[in-house]
Each structure stands twice: as C-alpha cells, then as structure tokens.
Amino acid sequence: MKPTNAIKPVRQIKKVPVKRWTLKDIIDDTRIVQAVAVARTAPLSEVRRIIEKAKIKKGLTPEETAVLLFQDHRPKIMKEILKTAKEIKEAVYGQRQVFFAPLYINNRCLNNCLYCAYRRDNTLLHRRSLSEAEIIKQVELLESLGHKRLLVVAGEVPGRFPEVVNAMKIIYRTRKSQGEIRRVNVNIAPPTVGQFRQLKKVGIGTYQCFQETYHLPTYGHMHPSGPKADYAWRLSVMDRAYRAKVEDVSLGILLGLYDYHYDVVAMVMHADYLDRRYNIGPHAVSVPRLKVAKGTPLCDDKTLNSNQYILNDTQFKLVVAVIRLALPYTGLIMSTRESAAMRLELMNAGVSQISAGSHVDVGGYSTGAKKNNDGQFEVEDTRPLDEVLRNVIESGNIPSFCTACYRCGRTGEKIMDLLKPGTIQQFCFPNALLTFQEYLEDYASAETRKLGIPFLVKQLQKLPTKVRAKTLGKLDRIRRGERDLFF
C-alpha cells in the first residue's frame, strides 16, 4: 500500500552558489592519515576532553573521532565511552529499537567484489530474480510476522533499475490480513538523479549505500571490475539523492576491508560534508563486519582468519560507541551478521535500528530458517522476529515498528530540527508504544504477550500526563481493531 498521508512540503535544500565542491571536499585522504597518526599518541587529558565534549551532543571532528578509536587498550576509558554512548542514544532516541527486514529481489550482478557472494564470477551461486508473484509471497510472509518496514536489496546490472521501482509498487499494495508494509527503504547501486526522482515518486523511505571502504587504493583492489569499480560515482551518490530531494540517506562501511581507524574517520568526514553542504546529515549509518561468503576469494574461512584488518569484539564495540559520540543524531543500524549476544550489547552502546528474522538470499523467507544456501553472506543471528523482540523487551528497550515521521513529512532537515532539541521524543516514544500494541494484538506469541503487556503499561507511566491520556485513547482504539494510528 503506497503511503496515503499527505507529505508536508519540506524546506529547500541549502544551496552553495559560490564554493565549487570536489571529491576532496568529501574525503580528504591527507587529513585522515594525519588524524590517525596523531591520534595514536594522544594524551589521556585529550581523551577525557573529547569524551566531555561528546556529552553535550554537538558531535566530534574527524580528528577527535580518531583519538577515541585508539582507546581499546584502556578498559576504564572504554567503559566511560560505552556509558556515554548509551546516555547519548537514550537522550536522542530514547530506549527505542526500530525493526526492519531486508528483502532481496535479485542476486544478479556485474560487479566482481572480492568479499561478496553475489560477485559476477561466483559460479557456486544460483542466479535468480523474484517474479511479481514471488515478491507478493515474500511480502505476505514478512507481513504475517509483523514487519512494517523493508529494505529492498538488489545486485547491480544496468538496465534492471525498473525492477526495483516495480518491486516497491508491489510491496506497498500488498496486504496480508492486518499486515501492511508502511516504509520501503532501498539499498541498490548508485542511481542517477533521474532514477532517484523515480524512487521518490513511488515512496522511497531511506536510500542506503555503503562506500565499503573510503581508502581509494583498497577500494580499487576490492572492486576489480564492474560498475562499482568507479569510486567517485559511488562516493557522490548522496549528492545526487539530495538533488532529487531524497533527503533520508544512509552511509556505511564494511569493517575488515581496511584499517577501521581510517574508514570510521572517513565516514564521519563524509557525514560532516553532507551536513555542511546540505544542512542535512545522514539519516543512519551501518558498520557491518566481514562475514563468510560462499564463493569469494576474501571471505572463505581460511582467508578471513588471516585478515589483518578483522576487528575483535572489543574493537567493534568501541567503533559503535564512538560513532554514537561522533554522530549523536544519526541512526545506527545493526544487522543479523552479528550474534544475538553482541547485538544485545550494542543496543546499549548506541544502536537504534536492528534487522530481525532476516534472510539474505533471494526468496529466502519461503525456504525456512538457517538454510541460506545462496545468501550474500552468512547470517549469525537466525532467531525469528518474535524471539528477537522478546529479547529487546527483556533488555529494557522498546520495540518500534513506527513509520510515522516519513508519512508526516518529518524527514531530512525537518527531522534533524526535531532530533537536536529532543522534541522528536514527543512523537517517537508514544508511536513506538502504539506499534508495539499492534504487534501484541496481531502477531505476538503467548510468551511475548505475557511479557509485553505489563512492559507496555510500565512504559506508559513515563509519558507526560496529557500525552499519556492521548496515547491511552489510541491504544484503546487499536485494541478495538483500528490500525496505523500515530502522533
């Protein structure tokens, strides 16, 4: 079902008529290398100054980010950084964890990325694209579980872009009893401005694109052939999105391709560039770690174990926490690449969005859990959505399936204006409870309902009196059969 709520006009993206922007304005390699070199020997007094600065939620410079990334050898400082990340996340986003699931519509690709099972030369992979009937079936299965937002993923083959647009149309109009998908995010090869306009017309939520690694020589090595070999075209994709008025974009790096100190600092630099040029920073960022991928030269078990750039768990937790300090108003996504235990820890270290019950192979939701024979990579957290959601409740976090901001026009610069003073909480907290009530009514297991109902009642007490009264009214309407109510 395509979003029906009228989207309010958004402010014009800030134009910069004088300065001519170049790729160096986005990623300054010399500055990054120098920042990383200096950060290695930063005194403890500087580390503490940076942490104190982070607490005021103004973000960090690339240089300050680099300093904190070298603190994995200091347990007390690590503990302080993790604690600060939790405090910032809860101050900006509350205890909410927003749920989504990926939907792979094809695994056809002309790129030869050394780490991806979808690479062109992988002969072990069965190639296919979902038909319209198959997309409907996959969406109905996801809806029957309770999902409200999907991330459409596809390989890169020029000429197949219309498949993505058509898939979005199918997803929005497909309904399963009480179920419906209310937000479709997209992770595909970098579009043109014209293609972005097509995506906007059919209701794109967030556009997600990973640079993978910002280190140019490593990027060239990892992407030896195919359209993705063009570093500059990929790096400038968010500029094209903003030009097409697609204001919610999501950055990402694949940890393990190169030195994580360099890539995290570079991603913070990219986010800062977007904020300075367009007055709109990224809606979200992702930091997945390399995992085993069938038929790849870089990600078989033996090669992964000998990779000098692989992060251990301590380093990974530090990366997540430091990003929260550096980009306080940016969503932080954690996928099912990580274990259930790691994902639980990271919810309290800055993560605000998680996938659940995910399959990363084409048609995977019909094949049953743990098969994943033709997946893009190995999934570590294979638990169903209901079990993950129950785990979130037990941790004290609030499950959310809310999509209200997108359909009310609270996107791009507008949502940043609400996030920075904390005003967004007056919408997001009660909306999370409303969507959680929907889940309890329509999809939850008996065990989850037993935990969820008293948990929801407890959360209601945290709302201001007037907001609580309005929320109680909407909750009662949901119990009587109404759906998709929000503030």
Protein backbone atom coordinates (compact mmCIF):
# COMPACT_ATOMS: atom_id res chain seq x y z
CA MET A 1 0.00 0.00 0.00
CA LYS A 2 1.52 3.31 -1.02
CA PRO A 3 1.64 5.87 1.81
CA THR A 4 -1.66 7.71 1.94
CA ASN A 5 -0.87 10.53 4.33
CA ALA A 6 -0.12 13.78 2.57
CA ILE A 7 3.52 14.70 2.89
CA LYS A 8 4.03 18.24 4.07
CA PRO A 9 6.26 20.49 1.99
CA VAL A 10 9.88 20.32 3.05
CA ARG A 11 12.36 23.15 3.16
CA GLN A 12 14.58 23.62 0.18
CA ILE A 13 17.99 22.03 0.48
CA LYS A 14 20.57 24.65 1.25
CA LYS A 15 22.38 25.78 -1.89
CA VAL A 16 26.00 26.78 -2.00
CA PRO A 17 26.33 29.01 -5.10
CA VAL A 18 29.90 30.19 -4.58
CA LYS A 19 32.03 27.25 -3.49
CA ARG A 20 32.69 24.54 -6.09
CA TRP A 21 32.75 21.20 -4.33
CA THR A 22 35.20 18.45 -5.29
CA LEU A 23 35.76 14.88 -4.18
CA LYS A 24 38.48 16.11 -1.84
CA ASP A 25 35.84 18.14 -0.01
CA ILE A 26 34.10 14.85 0.77
CA ILE A 27 37.12 12.70 1.63
CA ASP A 28 40.48 14.32 2.34
CA ASP A 29 42.92 11.42 2.46
CA THR A 30 45.82 13.54 3.74
CA ARG A 31 43.74 14.86 6.63
CA ILE A 32 42.55 11.35 7.56
CA VAL A 33 46.03 9.84 7.51
CA GLN A 34 47.36 12.68 9.65
CA ALA A 35 44.44 12.43 12.09
CA VAL A 36 45.01 8.69 12.57
CA ALA A 37 48.77 9.14 13.00
CA VAL A 38 48.39 11.87 15.64
CA ALA A 39 45.60 10.01 17.46
CA ARG A 40 47.82 7.05 18.29
CA THR A 41 49.75 9.07 20.87
CA ALA A 42 47.07 11.45 22.14
CA PRO A 43 47.46 12.10 25.89
CA LEU A 44 44.85 10.91 28.34
CA SER A 45 43.87 14.50 29.07
CA GLU A 46 42.85 14.94 25.42
CA VAL A 47 40.84 11.71 25.50
CA ARG A 48 38.88 12.91 28.52
CA ARG A 49 38.31 16.33 26.96
CA ILE A 50 36.81 14.70 23.88
CA ILE A 51 34.50 12.49 25.92
CA GLU A 52 33.27 15.50 27.88
CA LYS A 53 32.68 17.40 24.65
CA ALA A 54 30.67 14.46 23.27
CA LYS A 55 28.29 14.63 26.21
CA ILE A 56 26.85 17.94 25.02
CA LYS A 57 25.72 16.19 21.81
CA LYS A 58 27.40 18.53 19.34
CA GLY A 59 29.29 15.74 17.61
CA LEU A 60 33.02 15.22 17.11
CA THR A 61 35.51 16.24 14.45
CA PRO A 62 37.26 13.53 12.41
CA GLU A 63 40.41 14.17 14.48
CA GLU A 64 38.57 13.73 17.78
CA THR A 65 36.89 10.60 16.46
CA ALA A 66 40.30 9.14 15.60
CA VAL A 67 41.57 9.67 19.15
CA LEU A 68 38.71 7.72 20.73
CA LEU A 69 39.12 4.84 18.28
CA PHE A 70 42.54 4.10 19.81
CA GLN A 71 41.21 3.56 23.36
CA ASP A 72 40.50 -0.18 23.18
CA HIS A 73 43.58 -0.84 25.38
CA ARG A 74 42.19 1.27 28.25
CA PRO A 75 39.36 -0.64 29.98
CA LYS A 76 38.28 2.31 32.17
CA ILE A 77 38.14 4.69 29.23
CA MET A 78 36.32 2.06 27.17
CA LYS A 79 33.73 1.75 29.92
CA GLU A 80 33.30 5.52 30.00
CA ILE A 81 32.89 5.74 26.22
CA LEU A 82 30.29 2.95 26.22
CA LYS A 83 28.40 4.60 29.08
CA THR A 84 28.42 7.95 27.29
CA ALA A 85 27.20 6.33 24.06
CA LYS A 86 24.26 4.78 25.92
CA GLU A 87 23.39 8.12 27.53
CA ILE A 88 23.53 9.99 24.22
CA LYS A 89 21.48 7.39 22.39
CA GLU A 90 18.77 7.46 25.05
CA ALA A 91 18.78 11.26 25.20
CA VAL A 92 18.21 11.48 21.45
CA TYR A 93 16.23 8.33 20.61
CA GLY A 94 15.07 7.06 23.97
CA GLN A 95 15.22 3.30 24.54
CA ARG A 96 13.55 2.52 21.23
CA GLN A 97 14.84 -0.13 18.83
CA VAL A 98 13.32 0.20 15.35
CA PHE A 99 12.81 -3.10 13.49
CA PHE A 100 13.15 -3.85 9.78
CA ALA A 101 13.90 -6.76 7.44
CA PRO A 102 15.81 -6.95 4.14
CA LEU A 103 14.09 -8.23 1.00
CA TYR A 104 16.46 -9.38 -1.74
CA ILE A 105 14.69 -9.19 -5.10
CA ASN A 106 17.60 -10.50 -7.23
CA ASN A 107 21.20 -11.62 -6.93
CA ARG A 108 22.32 -10.77 -10.46
CA CYS A 109 25.41 -8.56 -10.51
CA LEU A 110 28.11 -7.39 -12.91
CA ASN A 111 30.50 -6.41 -10.13
CA ASN A 112 33.32 -8.65 -9.01
CA CYS A 113 33.69 -7.54 -5.38
CA LEU A 114 36.14 -9.86 -3.63
CA TYR A 115 34.03 -10.14 -0.46
CA CYS A 116 30.50 -10.62 -1.84
CA ALA A 117 28.85 -13.91 -2.78
CA TYR A 118 26.86 -12.08 -5.46
CA ARG A 119 30.09 -11.30 -7.38
CA ARG A 120 29.89 -11.93 -11.12
CA ASP A 121 32.49 -14.73 -11.19
CA ASN A 122 30.93 -16.79 -8.40
CA THR A 123 29.79 -19.94 -10.20
CA LEU A 124 28.56 -21.55 -6.97
CA LEU A 125 25.58 -19.21 -6.76
CA HIS A 126 22.21 -19.90 -8.34
CA ARG A 127 21.16 -16.63 -10.03
CA ARG A 128 17.55 -15.53 -9.99
CA SER A 129 15.16 -12.60 -9.81
CA LEU A 130 11.84 -12.66 -7.99
CA SER A 131 8.75 -12.60 -10.17
CA GLU A 132 5.83 -10.35 -9.23
CA ALA A 133 4.03 -13.33 -7.69
CA GLU A 134 7.13 -14.25 -5.71
CA ILE A 135 7.55 -10.71 -4.39
CA ILE A 136 3.94 -10.74 -3.22
CA LYS A 137 4.51 -14.06 -1.46
CA GLN A 138 7.67 -12.82 0.26
CA VAL A 139 5.94 -9.62 1.39
CA GLU A 140 2.92 -11.54 2.70
CA LEU A 141 5.24 -13.77 4.72
CA LEU A 142 7.03 -10.75 6.18
CA GLU A 143 3.74 -9.02 6.93
CA SER A 144 2.43 -12.14 8.67
CA LEU A 145 5.39 -11.90 11.05
CA GLY A 146 4.67 -8.26 11.93
CA HIS A 147 7.20 -6.32 9.87
CA LYS A 148 6.20 -2.80 8.79
CA ARG A 149 9.37 -1.62 7.04
CA LEU A 150 11.52 -3.41 4.48
CA LEU A 151 14.88 -2.77 2.90
CA VAL A 152 14.85 -3.71 -0.79
CA VAL A 153 18.23 -5.07 -1.92
CA ALA A 154 19.35 -5.94 -5.46
CA GLY A 155 22.54 -6.67 -7.38
CA GLU A 156 23.96 -4.22 -9.90
CA VAL A 157 23.04 -4.78 -13.53
CA PRO A 158 22.46 -1.65 -15.63
CA GLY A 159 19.01 -1.82 -17.19
CA ARG A 160 17.40 -3.64 -14.25
CA PHE A 161 16.58 -0.49 -12.30
CA PRO A 162 12.86 -0.71 -13.29
CA GLU A 163 12.70 -3.98 -11.31
CA VAL A 164 13.34 -2.00 -8.13
CA VAL A 165 10.66 0.59 -8.88
CA ASN A 166 8.16 -2.15 -9.73
CA ALA A 167 9.04 -4.10 -6.58
CA MET A 168 8.35 -1.03 -4.44
CA LYS A 169 4.94 -0.58 -6.05
CA ILE A 170 4.12 -4.25 -5.41
CA ILE A 171 5.26 -4.07 -1.79
CA TYR A 172 3.13 -1.03 -0.98
CA ARG A 173 -0.02 -2.52 -2.45
CA THR A 174 0.38 -5.99 -0.91
CA ARG A 175 -1.59 -6.64 2.27
CA LYS A 176 -1.92 -9.71 4.48
CA SER A 177 -4.94 -9.54 6.83
CA GLN A 178 -3.97 -6.80 9.33
CA GLY A 179 -0.48 -6.55 7.83
CA GLU A 180 0.95 -3.89 5.55
CA ILE A 181 4.39 -2.54 4.75
CA ARG A 182 4.44 1.16 5.54
CA ARG A 183 8.00 2.12 4.62
CA VAL A 184 10.26 0.77 1.89
CA ASN A 185 13.94 1.62 2.15
CA VAL A 186 16.28 0.81 -0.71
CA ASN A 187 19.86 -0.49 -0.94
CA ILE A 188 20.87 -0.60 -4.59
CA ALA A 189 23.71 0.53 -6.85
CA PRO A 190 24.13 4.32 -7.07
CA PRO A 191 21.27 5.78 -9.15
CA THR A 192 21.25 8.86 -11.35
CA VAL A 193 19.33 11.96 -10.30
CA GLY A 194 16.51 10.94 -12.64
CA GLN A 195 16.34 7.46 -11.13
CA PHE A 196 16.24 8.95 -7.63
CA ARG A 197 13.25 11.01 -8.70
CA GLN A 198 11.52 7.81 -9.79
CA LEU A 199 12.24 6.24 -6.40
CA LYS A 200 10.85 9.30 -4.65
CA LYS A 201 7.71 9.19 -6.76
CA VAL A 202 6.93 5.62 -5.67
CA GLY A 203 7.59 6.37 -1.99
CA ILE A 204 11.19 5.56 -1.08
CA GLY A 205 11.95 5.82 2.61
CA THR A 206 15.73 5.87 3.15
CA TYR A 207 18.31 5.31 0.42
CA GLN A 208 21.22 3.24 1.71
CA CYS A 209 24.59 2.85 0.02
CA PHE A 210 27.84 1.59 1.55
CA GLN A 211 31.09 3.05 0.33
CA GLU A 212 32.51 -0.23 1.75
CA THR A 213 35.94 1.37 2.25
CA TYR A 214 36.89 5.01 1.76
CA HIS A 215 40.56 4.12 1.21
CA LEU A 216 40.96 4.60 -2.54
CA PRO A 217 43.76 2.03 -3.24
CA THR A 218 41.95 -0.62 -1.19
CA TYR A 219 38.66 0.23 -2.87
CA GLY A 220 40.29 -0.36 -6.26
CA HIS A 221 41.68 -3.71 -5.15
CA MET A 222 38.38 -4.90 -3.67
CA HIS A 223 36.37 -3.90 -6.76
CA PRO A 224 38.48 -5.02 -9.72
CA SER A 225 35.73 -4.86 -12.36
CA GLY A 226 32.14 -3.86 -12.94
CA PRO A 227 30.32 -0.53 -12.48
CA LYS A 228 31.17 -0.49 -8.78
CA ALA A 229 34.85 -0.03 -9.63
CA ASP A 230 34.07 3.69 -10.12
CA TYR A 231 34.92 5.09 -6.67
CA ALA A 232 33.90 8.66 -7.46
CA TRP A 233 30.46 7.71 -8.82
CA ARG A 234 29.71 5.81 -5.64
CA LEU A 235 31.11 8.48 -3.33
CA SER A 236 28.98 11.20 -4.91
CA VAL A 237 25.70 9.24 -4.84
CA MET A 238 24.31 11.06 -1.81
CA ASP A 239 24.76 14.38 -3.60
CA ARG A 240 22.56 13.07 -6.40
CA ALA A 241 20.00 11.88 -3.85
CA TYR A 242 19.78 15.34 -2.28
CA ARG A 243 19.49 16.97 -5.70
CA ALA A 244 16.48 14.73 -6.33
CA LYS A 245 15.02 15.74 -2.92
CA VAL A 246 15.55 12.25 -1.48
CA GLU A 247 16.55 13.62 1.92
CA ASP A 248 16.96 10.46 4.03
CA VAL A 249 20.20 8.72 3.15
CA SER A 250 22.26 6.10 4.96
CA LEU A 251 26.05 5.65 4.83
CA GLY A 252 28.02 2.51 5.56
CA ILE A 253 31.42 0.86 5.71
CA LEU A 254 32.30 -2.83 5.67
CA LEU A 255 34.68 -3.34 8.56
CA GLY A 256 37.57 -5.63 7.69
CA LEU A 257 38.40 -4.37 4.22
CA TYR A 258 40.93 -1.85 5.51
CA ASP A 259 42.12 -0.25 8.77
CA TYR A 260 38.95 0.58 10.68
CA HIS A 261 40.51 3.73 12.14
CA TYR A 262 40.80 5.19 8.65
CA ASP A 263 37.36 4.11 7.45
CA VAL A 264 35.42 5.24 10.52
CA VAL A 265 37.12 8.65 10.46
CA ALA A 266 36.39 8.90 6.73
CA MET A 267 32.70 8.08 7.23
CA VAL A 268 32.43 10.75 9.92
CA MET A 269 34.08 13.14 7.46
CA HIS A 270 31.53 12.18 4.77
CA ALA A 271 28.68 12.78 7.21
CA ASP A 272 30.14 16.16 8.14
CA TYR A 273 30.41 17.11 4.46
CA LEU A 274 26.73 16.33 3.87
CA ASP A 275 25.73 18.36 6.91
CA ARG A 276 27.86 21.34 5.90
CA ARG A 277 26.80 21.34 2.27
CA TYR A 278 23.11 20.48 2.54
CA ASN A 279 22.33 21.14 6.21
CA ILE A 280 21.15 17.50 6.37
CA GLY A 281 23.40 14.81 7.79
CA PRO A 282 22.84 11.11 7.08
CA HIS A 283 19.65 9.57 8.42
CA ALA A 284 21.58 6.46 9.50
CA VAL A 285 24.92 4.66 9.28
CA SER A 286 25.85 0.98 9.25
CA VAL A 287 29.06 -0.74 10.32
CA PRO A 288 28.83 -4.47 9.48
CA ARG A 289 31.85 -6.72 9.89
CA LEU A 290 33.09 -9.06 7.16
CA LYS A 291 31.49 -12.49 7.38
CA VAL A 292 31.95 -15.74 5.48
CA ALA A 293 30.52 -15.53 1.96
CA LYS A 294 30.38 -18.55 -0.33
CA GLY A 295 32.47 -18.39 -3.50
CA THR A 296 34.57 -15.34 -2.60
CA PRO A 297 38.37 -15.06 -2.53
CA LEU A 298 38.37 -12.79 0.54
CA CYS A 299 35.69 -14.31 2.75
CA ASP A 300 36.23 -18.04 2.98
CA ASP A 301 37.04 -19.28 6.50
CA LYS A 302 40.79 -19.52 5.96
CA THR A 303 41.22 -16.08 4.41
CA LEU A 304 39.03 -14.36 6.99
CA ASN A 305 41.01 -15.83 9.86
CA SER A 306 44.26 -14.44 8.43
CA ASN A 307 42.88 -10.97 7.61
CA GLN A 308 44.90 -8.32 9.48
CA TYR A 309 42.01 -5.86 9.34
CA ILE A 310 39.41 -8.01 11.10
CA LEU A 311 38.15 -6.35 14.30
CA ASN A 312 37.89 -8.24 17.56
CA ASP A 313 34.76 -7.80 19.67
CA THR A 314 36.28 -5.12 21.89
CA GLN A 315 37.33 -3.02 18.92
CA PHE A 316 33.93 -3.48 17.32
CA LYS A 317 32.04 -2.32 20.41
CA LEU A 318 34.32 0.69 20.61
CA VAL A 319 33.64 1.57 16.96
CA VAL A 320 29.86 1.52 17.53
CA ALA A 321 30.11 3.64 20.67
CA VAL A 322 32.49 6.18 19.13
CA ILE A 323 30.21 6.64 16.12
CA ARG A 324 27.35 7.41 18.51
CA LEU A 325 29.51 10.07 20.16
CA ALA A 326 30.67 11.49 16.83
CA LEU A 327 27.22 11.46 15.14
CA PRO A 328 24.72 11.81 18.00
CA TYR A 329 21.67 12.44 15.82
CA THR A 330 22.26 9.71 13.26
CA GLY A 331 20.53 6.34 13.44
CA LEU A 332 22.90 3.43 13.97
CA ILE A 333 21.96 0.14 12.29
CA MET A 334 22.99 -3.35 13.38
CA SER A 335 22.25 -6.31 11.11
CA THR A 336 21.95 -10.04 11.76
CA ARG A 337 25.58 -10.53 10.73
CA GLU A 338 26.31 -10.28 14.46
CA SER A 339 25.40 -12.77 17.18
CA ALA A 340 22.39 -12.36 19.43
CA ALA A 341 24.67 -11.62 22.38
CA MET A 342 26.66 -8.97 20.51
CA ARG A 343 23.51 -7.30 19.19
CA LEU A 344 22.12 -7.12 22.73
CA GLU A 345 25.30 -5.45 23.99
CA LEU A 346 25.33 -2.96 21.15
CA MET A 347 21.74 -1.87 21.82
CA ASN A 348 23.20 -0.32 24.96
CA ALA A 349 26.17 1.18 23.11
CA GLY A 350 24.38 3.39 20.61
CA VAL A 351 22.48 1.14 18.18
CA SER A 352 18.95 2.37 17.37
CA GLN A 353 17.82 0.14 14.46
CA ILE A 354 18.05 -3.63 14.05
CA SER A 355 17.01 -6.18 11.46
CA ALA A 356 15.37 -9.37 12.70
CA GLY A 357 14.36 -12.71 11.23
CA SER A 358 16.44 -11.77 8.19
CA HIS A 359 17.19 -13.82 5.10
CA VAL A 360 19.88 -12.53 2.75
CA ASP A 361 19.12 -14.82 -0.18
CA VAL A 362 16.56 -14.27 -2.92
CA GLY A 363 13.23 -15.80 -1.89
CA GLY A 364 14.72 -16.72 1.48
CA TYR A 365 11.57 -16.16 3.50
CA SER A 366 9.98 -19.14 1.74
CA THR A 367 12.86 -21.55 2.32
CA GLY A 368 12.82 -21.73 6.10
CA ALA A 369 15.32 -20.51 8.66
CA LYS A 370 19.02 -21.38 8.59
CA LYS A 371 19.13 -22.68 5.01
CA ASN A 372 20.61 -19.56 3.49
CA ASN A 373 22.41 -21.53 0.76
CA ASP A 374 22.56 -18.66 -1.72
CA GLY A 375 22.93 -15.79 0.72
CA GLN A 376 25.08 -12.74 0.15
CA PHE A 377 26.91 -13.59 3.39
CA GLU A 378 26.41 -15.78 6.45
CA VAL A 379 23.83 -14.65 8.99
CA GLU A 380 24.76 -15.25 12.62
CA ASP A 381 21.57 -14.22 14.41
CA THR A 382 18.98 -16.55 12.86
CA ARG A 383 16.28 -16.10 15.52
CA PRO A 384 12.72 -15.29 14.39
CA LEU A 385 11.36 -11.76 14.84
CA ASP A 386 9.20 -12.67 17.85
CA GLU A 387 12.17 -14.06 19.77
CA VAL A 388 14.36 -11.04 18.97
CA LEU A 389 11.57 -8.68 20.01
CA ARG A 390 11.15 -10.55 23.29
CA ASN A 391 14.88 -10.22 23.89
CA VAL A 392 14.61 -6.46 23.30
CA ILE A 393 11.84 -6.21 25.91
CA GLU A 394 13.84 -8.22 28.43
CA SER A 395 16.76 -5.82 27.96
CA GLY A 396 14.53 -2.87 28.85
CA ASN A 397 14.43 -1.50 25.30
CA ILE A 398 11.22 -0.62 23.48
CA PRO A 399 10.40 -2.36 20.17
CA SER A 400 9.18 0.03 17.49
CA PHE A 401 7.68 -0.51 14.05
CA CYS A 402 6.87 3.17 13.65
CA THR A 403 6.96 4.80 10.21
CA ALA A 404 5.04 7.97 11.08
CA CYS A 405 7.77 10.55 10.50
CA TYR A 406 8.18 9.67 6.86
CA ARG A 407 4.47 9.91 6.13
CA CYS A 408 4.06 13.14 8.10
CA GLY A 409 6.91 14.89 6.31
CA ARG A 410 9.27 14.72 9.29
CA THR A 411 12.28 13.84 7.14
CA GLY A 412 15.62 15.31 6.15
CA GLU A 413 16.26 18.73 7.70
CA LYS A 414 12.90 18.71 9.49
CA ILE A 415 13.69 15.58 11.47
CA MET A 416 17.11 16.96 12.39
CA ASP A 417 15.40 20.09 13.74
CA LEU A 418 13.35 17.81 15.99
CA LEU A 419 16.18 15.47 16.97
CA LYS A 420 18.65 18.11 18.12
CA PRO A 421 16.47 19.69 20.84
CA GLY A 422 14.99 16.28 21.73
CA THR A 423 11.50 17.28 20.55
CA ILE A 424 11.19 14.13 18.43
CA GLN A 425 10.59 12.10 21.60
CA GLN A 426 7.09 13.55 21.92
CA PHE A 427 6.27 11.69 18.70
CA CYS A 428 8.54 8.65 18.67
CA PHE A 429 8.03 7.33 22.19
CA PRO A 430 4.22 7.14 22.07
CA ASN A 431 4.32 5.99 18.43
CA ALA A 432 6.62 3.13 19.42
CA LEU A 433 4.12 2.06 22.07
CA LEU A 434 1.26 2.20 19.56
CA THR A 435 3.07 -0.01 17.06
CA PHE A 436 4.13 -2.34 19.86
CA GLN A 437 0.46 -2.68 20.85
CA GLU A 438 -0.37 -3.58 17.25
CA TYR A 439 2.29 -6.28 17.36
CA LEU A 440 0.95 -7.69 20.62
CA GLU A 441 -2.59 -7.77 19.21
CA ASP A 442 -1.82 -9.29 15.81
CA TYR A 443 1.44 -11.24 15.82
CA ALA A 444 2.95 -11.91 19.24
CA SER A 445 3.36 -15.39 20.70
CA ALA A 446 1.70 -16.12 24.05
CA GLU A 447 5.10 -15.83 25.75
CA THR A 448 5.77 -12.41 24.21
CA ARG A 449 2.29 -11.15 25.11
CA LYS A 450 2.82 -12.25 28.69
CA LEU A 451 5.97 -10.16 28.89
CA GLY A 452 4.86 -7.36 26.59
CA ILE A 453 1.59 -6.24 28.14
CA PRO A 454 2.96 -5.34 31.60
CA PHE A 455 6.06 -3.87 29.93
CA LEU A 456 3.89 -1.56 27.82
CA VAL A 457 1.88 -0.49 30.89
CA LYS A 458 5.13 0.35 32.67
CA GLN A 459 6.39 2.41 29.73
CA LEU A 460 3.15 4.41 29.63
CA GLN A 461 3.95 5.80 33.07
CA LYS A 462 6.97 7.60 31.60
CA LEU A 463 4.80 9.76 29.34
CA PRO A 464 3.69 13.27 30.36
CA THR A 465 0.13 13.27 31.68
CA LYS A 466 -1.54 14.83 28.60
CA VAL A 467 0.41 12.70 26.13
CA ARG A 468 -0.33 9.58 28.20
CA ALA A 469 -4.05 10.31 28.07
CA LYS A 470 -3.98 10.70 24.28
CA THR A 471 -1.85 7.57 23.92
CA LEU A 472 -4.22 5.56 26.10
CA GLY A 473 -7.08 6.64 23.84
CA LYS A 474 -5.26 5.47 20.73
CA LEU A 475 -4.23 2.20 22.41
CA ASP A 476 -7.87 1.51 23.20
CA ARG A 477 -8.79 2.14 19.55
CA ILE A 478 -6.10 -0.34 18.49
CA ARG A 479 -7.49 -2.97 20.87
CA ARG A 480 -10.89 -2.39 19.24
CA GLY A 481 -9.48 -3.07 15.78
CA GLU A 482 -8.13 0.20 14.38
CA ARG A 483 -4.59 0.22 12.99
CA ASP A 484 -1.85 2.61 11.92
CA LEU A 485 -2.55 5.31 14.50
CA PHE A 486 0.22 7.75 15.27
CA PHE A 487 1.13 11.22 16.50
